[in-house]
Amino acid sequence: MIFLAKIDPQRMRARLSCACLIALLVLCSGKAYARVFVLNTFDIYPYSTPRGTGSLDLVVKEAFRRIGENVKIVWLPSERALINANSGIDDGDFVRVAGIEKEYHNLVMVPEKLCEFEFAAFAKSSAIKVSGWESLKRYNVGIPRGAVALEAKMPEVRSLTEVNDQNALFGMALDGRVDVIIYDKLQADGFIKKFRLDGIRQVGPVLEKCRMYMYLNRRYAALVPRLEVALRQMKKDGTFSRIMDSAAR
């Protein structure tokens, strides 16, 4: 004959609660609770894509992977991306010119460059002649809002219009609302080809070459030297070049 012990409901609930608490502590201490860093970007093809398969998307992801961290890349308008990273709403931003920490004091630069932008002028009219920054003075110019590198170089032009995204920027040039727009050559060429903007072309030589970097909010400053080392290792072992040359677009 088997005798069944009487179960105390209160004791059973206590044991279940204890078991749940232990399981939660184990979960929180393991990989399932690993942090995912959020980095913003304003870049477009070929550097960044909505699926996160652009060349720099993959470079950033690999650098974080090498230091044992996860990262999510979010597209935001240029100025908003900076504000969110600086205020701590998000954790960082790329790709930016060196020195923006002078204005955005909570950002810390990872000192290994990600790429080099070639800023150039693009226009609809064949009458537009651009030979350098000073030659822009007589024109109505459009640039992305929050593009610190361009703001620093821009002379006193006839008018300066800043917009939130690439569609608006190239749209102004097509509609004649500005005479000329300034943008990174590689991304502009890709945008023009993708949307068949045959009426827009580069006018004049490259205006400026700028090294571009990743920034983190200063509360994660301890990650900066580790990411710097990871990027350097990626360049040394060939991973960086392979990603930049063959990333899915």
Protein backbone atom coordinates (compact mmCIF):
# COMPACT_ATOMS: atom_id res chain seq x y z
CA MET A 1 0.00 0.00 0.00
CA ILE A 2 1.33 3.44 -0.95
CA PHE A 3 0.71 6.34 1.39
CA LEU A 4 0.60 9.83 -0.16
CA ALA A 5 1.86 12.67 2.00
CA LYS A 6 -0.50 15.55 2.43
CA ILE A 7 0.65 18.56 0.41
CA ASP A 8 0.69 21.93 2.12
CA PRO A 9 -0.50 24.47 -0.53
CA GLN A 10 1.34 27.37 1.11
CA ARG A 11 4.62 25.45 1.27
CA MET A 12 4.21 24.42 -2.38
CA ARG A 13 3.66 28.03 -3.47
CA ALA A 14 6.74 29.10 -1.53
CA ARG A 15 8.86 26.44 -3.21
CA LEU A 16 7.59 27.41 -6.65
CA SER A 17 8.33 31.08 -5.98
CA CYS A 18 11.83 30.20 -4.85
CA ALA A 19 12.41 28.08 -7.96
CA CYS A 20 11.20 30.89 -10.22
CA LEU A 21 13.50 33.39 -8.50
CA ILE A 22 16.52 31.12 -8.94
CA ALA A 23 15.68 30.58 -12.62
CA LEU A 24 15.37 34.34 -13.13
CA LEU A 25 18.74 35.00 -11.49
CA VAL A 26 20.39 32.37 -13.69
CA LEU A 27 18.78 33.87 -16.80
CA CYS A 28 19.83 37.40 -15.93
CA SER A 29 23.44 36.35 -15.37
CA GLY A 30 23.70 34.48 -18.67
CA LYS A 31 23.90 35.33 -22.37
CA ALA A 32 20.12 35.54 -22.66
CA TYR A 33 20.29 38.86 -20.82
CA ALA A 34 23.28 40.25 -22.78
CA ARG A 35 23.09 43.94 -23.61
CA VAL A 36 22.53 45.07 -27.19
CA PHE A 37 24.18 48.42 -27.95
CA VAL A 38 22.30 50.78 -30.28
CA LEU A 39 24.39 52.79 -32.73
CA ASN A 40 22.85 55.34 -35.06
CA THR A 41 23.86 56.15 -38.60
CA PHE A 42 22.80 58.58 -41.29
CA ASP A 43 24.72 56.71 -43.98
CA ILE A 44 23.16 55.01 -46.98
CA TYR A 45 24.25 52.50 -49.62
CA PRO A 46 26.91 51.23 -49.87
CA TYR A 47 27.92 51.98 -46.27
CA SER A 48 24.58 51.16 -44.65
CA THR A 49 21.32 49.49 -45.68
CA PRO A 50 17.94 49.00 -43.97
CA ARG A 51 18.84 45.34 -43.44
CA GLY A 52 22.16 46.21 -41.85
CA THR A 53 24.17 44.64 -44.68
CA GLY A 54 26.11 47.69 -45.80
CA SER A 55 29.89 47.59 -45.64
CA LEU A 56 30.20 49.74 -42.51
CA ASP A 57 27.20 48.05 -40.88
CA LEU A 58 29.13 44.80 -41.08
CA VAL A 59 32.43 46.34 -39.99
CA VAL A 60 30.82 47.80 -36.85
CA LYS A 61 29.02 44.54 -36.06
CA GLU A 62 32.23 42.55 -36.41
CA ALA A 63 34.18 44.98 -34.22
CA PHE A 64 31.58 44.64 -31.45
CA ARG A 65 31.51 40.87 -31.87
CA ARG A 66 35.27 40.72 -31.35
CA ILE A 67 34.96 42.45 -27.98
CA GLY A 68 32.12 40.13 -26.95
CA GLU A 69 29.26 42.60 -27.41
CA ASN A 70 26.15 42.84 -29.59
CA VAL A 71 25.14 45.92 -31.55
CA LYS A 72 22.00 47.05 -33.35
CA ILE A 73 22.23 49.69 -36.07
CA VAL A 74 19.42 52.22 -36.44
CA TRP A 75 19.03 54.78 -39.23
CA LEU A 76 18.16 58.30 -38.07
CA PRO A 77 18.39 61.78 -39.61
CA SER A 78 21.90 63.14 -39.12
CA GLU A 79 21.16 65.74 -36.44
CA ARG A 80 18.78 63.46 -34.51
CA ALA A 81 21.37 60.66 -34.57
CA LEU A 82 23.90 62.95 -32.90
CA ILE A 83 21.44 64.28 -30.33
CA ASN A 84 20.27 60.81 -29.34
CA ALA A 85 23.82 59.49 -28.97
CA ASN A 86 24.98 62.56 -27.06
CA SER A 87 22.01 62.53 -24.67
CA GLY A 88 22.29 58.80 -24.00
CA ILE A 89 18.99 57.85 -25.63
CA ASP A 90 21.14 55.69 -27.90
CA ASP A 91 24.67 54.43 -27.32
CA GLY A 92 26.68 55.82 -30.21
CA ASP A 93 26.85 57.08 -33.77
CA PHE A 94 28.81 56.54 -36.99
CA VAL A 95 30.21 57.76 -39.37
CA ARG A 96 31.43 61.15 -38.11
CA VAL A 97 34.34 63.49 -38.64
CA ALA A 98 36.90 63.94 -35.86
CA GLY A 99 36.22 66.79 -33.44
CA ILE A 100 32.44 66.67 -33.00
CA GLU A 101 32.99 66.06 -29.28
CA LYS A 102 33.78 69.79 -29.02
CA GLU A 103 30.07 70.45 -29.54
CA TYR A 104 28.63 67.12 -28.41
CA HIS A 105 30.49 66.78 -25.12
CA ASN A 106 29.16 63.35 -24.17
CA LEU A 107 30.59 61.62 -27.23
CA VAL A 108 33.95 59.83 -27.31
CA MET A 109 35.66 58.95 -30.59
CA VAL A 110 37.05 55.52 -31.41
CA PRO A 111 40.35 56.74 -32.90
CA GLU A 112 40.70 54.08 -35.61
CA LYS A 113 39.05 55.42 -38.78
CA LEU A 114 36.18 53.59 -40.43
CA CYS A 115 36.46 55.17 -43.87
CA GLU A 116 37.24 58.37 -45.74
CA PHE A 117 34.51 60.55 -47.20
CA GLU A 118 35.07 62.50 -50.40
CA PHE A 119 32.73 65.48 -50.27
CA ALA A 120 31.70 66.79 -53.67
CA ALA A 121 29.13 69.13 -55.24
CA PHE A 122 26.18 67.82 -57.26
CA ALA A 123 23.83 69.85 -59.43
CA LYS A 124 21.19 69.66 -62.15
CA SER A 125 22.34 72.62 -64.21
CA SER A 126 25.40 72.29 -66.44
CA ALA A 127 26.01 76.00 -65.83
CA ILE A 128 27.07 75.35 -62.24
CA LYS A 129 30.84 75.62 -61.88
CA VAL A 130 32.47 74.47 -58.64
CA SER A 131 36.23 74.49 -58.13
CA GLY A 132 36.49 74.64 -54.34
CA TRP A 133 34.62 75.69 -51.21
CA GLU A 134 34.94 79.40 -51.97
CA SER A 135 33.35 78.92 -55.39
CA LEU A 136 30.07 77.98 -53.62
CA LYS A 137 29.56 81.56 -52.41
CA ARG A 138 27.40 82.58 -55.36
CA TYR A 139 25.04 79.60 -55.11
CA ASN A 140 22.06 78.39 -53.12
CA VAL A 141 23.41 75.30 -51.39
CA GLY A 142 21.77 72.29 -49.73
CA ILE A 143 23.35 69.96 -47.17
CA PRO A 144 22.11 67.33 -44.67
CA ARG A 145 21.05 68.82 -41.33
CA GLY A 146 23.60 67.98 -38.65
CA ALA A 147 26.47 67.35 -41.08
CA VAL A 148 29.11 68.91 -38.85
CA ALA A 149 31.94 68.35 -41.34
CA LEU A 150 30.12 70.35 -44.02
CA GLU A 151 28.95 73.09 -41.69
CA ALA A 152 32.55 73.74 -40.65
CA LYS A 153 33.76 74.15 -44.24
CA MET A 154 30.83 76.06 -45.71
CA PRO A 155 31.58 79.70 -46.74
CA GLU A 156 28.99 82.50 -46.71
CA VAL A 157 26.83 81.21 -49.55
CA ARG A 158 23.83 82.95 -51.12
CA SER A 159 21.56 80.68 -49.07
CA LEU A 160 22.07 77.46 -47.11
CA THR A 161 19.26 74.92 -46.73
CA GLU A 162 19.59 71.95 -44.37
CA VAL A 163 17.28 68.93 -44.68
CA ASN A 164 16.76 65.72 -42.73
CA ASP A 165 17.26 63.04 -45.36
CA GLN A 166 18.77 62.20 -48.73
CA ASN A 167 15.43 62.14 -50.55
CA ALA A 168 14.76 65.74 -49.60
CA LEU A 169 18.33 66.76 -50.40
CA PHE A 170 18.40 65.36 -53.93
CA GLY A 171 14.78 66.42 -54.44
CA MET A 172 15.75 70.05 -53.87
CA ALA A 173 18.40 69.81 -56.56
CA LEU A 174 15.98 68.20 -59.03
CA ASP A 175 13.25 70.77 -58.33
CA GLY A 176 15.60 73.73 -58.58
CA ARG A 177 15.05 74.83 -54.97
CA VAL A 178 18.83 74.90 -54.57
CA ASP A 179 21.57 75.26 -57.15
CA VAL A 180 23.92 72.68 -55.71
CA ILE A 181 24.04 70.06 -52.97
CA ILE A 182 27.08 68.71 -51.10
CA TYR A 183 27.40 65.03 -50.25
CA ASP A 184 29.86 62.15 -50.00
CA LYS A 185 30.76 61.07 -53.55
CA LEU A 186 30.45 57.31 -53.06
CA GLN A 187 27.03 57.50 -51.43
CA ALA A 188 25.78 60.14 -53.86
CA ASP A 189 26.83 58.06 -56.87
CA GLY A 190 24.99 55.05 -55.41
CA PHE A 191 21.87 57.09 -54.69
CA ILE A 192 21.82 58.62 -58.17
CA LYS A 193 22.23 55.20 -59.79
CA LYS A 194 19.65 53.48 -57.59
CA PHE A 195 16.92 56.05 -58.26
CA ARG A 196 18.02 56.83 -61.82
CA LEU A 197 18.48 60.52 -61.15
CA ASP A 198 19.98 61.16 -64.56
CA GLY A 199 19.47 64.90 -64.17
CA ILE A 200 21.93 65.13 -61.27
CA ARG A 201 25.68 64.99 -61.78
CA GLN A 202 28.88 65.83 -59.97
CA VAL A 203 30.17 69.30 -60.76
CA GLY A 204 33.83 69.99 -60.20
CA PRO A 205 36.46 67.98 -58.33
CA VAL A 206 36.20 66.52 -54.84
CA LEU A 207 36.05 69.41 -52.38
CA GLU A 208 37.45 67.69 -49.31
CA LYS A 209 38.57 64.29 -48.08
CA CYS A 210 37.70 63.60 -44.44
CA ARG A 211 38.52 60.66 -42.20
CA MET A 212 35.39 59.34 -40.54
CA TYR A 213 34.99 57.60 -37.19
CA MET A 214 32.70 55.81 -34.77
CA TYR A 215 31.59 57.57 -31.56
CA LEU A 216 30.20 56.20 -28.30
CA ASN A 217 28.38 57.91 -25.48
CA ARG A 218 30.96 58.61 -22.77
CA ARG A 219 29.36 56.19 -20.32
CA TYR A 220 30.82 53.45 -22.52
CA ALA A 221 34.26 55.07 -22.83
CA ALA A 222 35.82 51.86 -21.47
CA LEU A 223 34.87 50.14 -24.74
CA VAL A 224 36.70 52.67 -26.91
CA PRO A 225 40.25 51.20 -26.65
CA ARG A 226 38.87 47.68 -27.13
CA LEU A 227 37.01 48.69 -30.29
CA GLU A 228 40.11 50.52 -31.54
CA VAL A 229 42.14 47.33 -31.15
CA ALA A 230 39.40 45.25 -32.81
CA LEU A 231 39.30 47.55 -35.85
CA ARG A 232 43.08 47.49 -36.17
CA GLN A 233 43.12 43.70 -35.96
CA MET A 234 40.41 43.53 -38.63
CA LYS A 235 42.57 45.63 -40.94
CA LYS A 236 45.67 43.58 -40.17
CA ASP A 237 44.05 40.18 -40.77
CA GLY A 238 42.23 41.27 -43.94
CA THR A 239 38.70 41.12 -42.54
CA PHE A 240 38.17 44.86 -42.97
CA SER A 241 39.12 44.83 -46.66
CA ARG A 242 37.02 41.75 -47.38
CA ILE A 243 33.94 43.32 -45.82
CA MET A 244 34.40 46.67 -47.56
CA ASP A 245 34.93 44.96 -50.94
CA SER A 246 32.22 42.32 -50.83
CA ALA A 247 29.50 43.42 -48.36
CA ALA A 248 25.96 42.64 -49.49
CA ARG A 249 24.36 45.80 -50.81
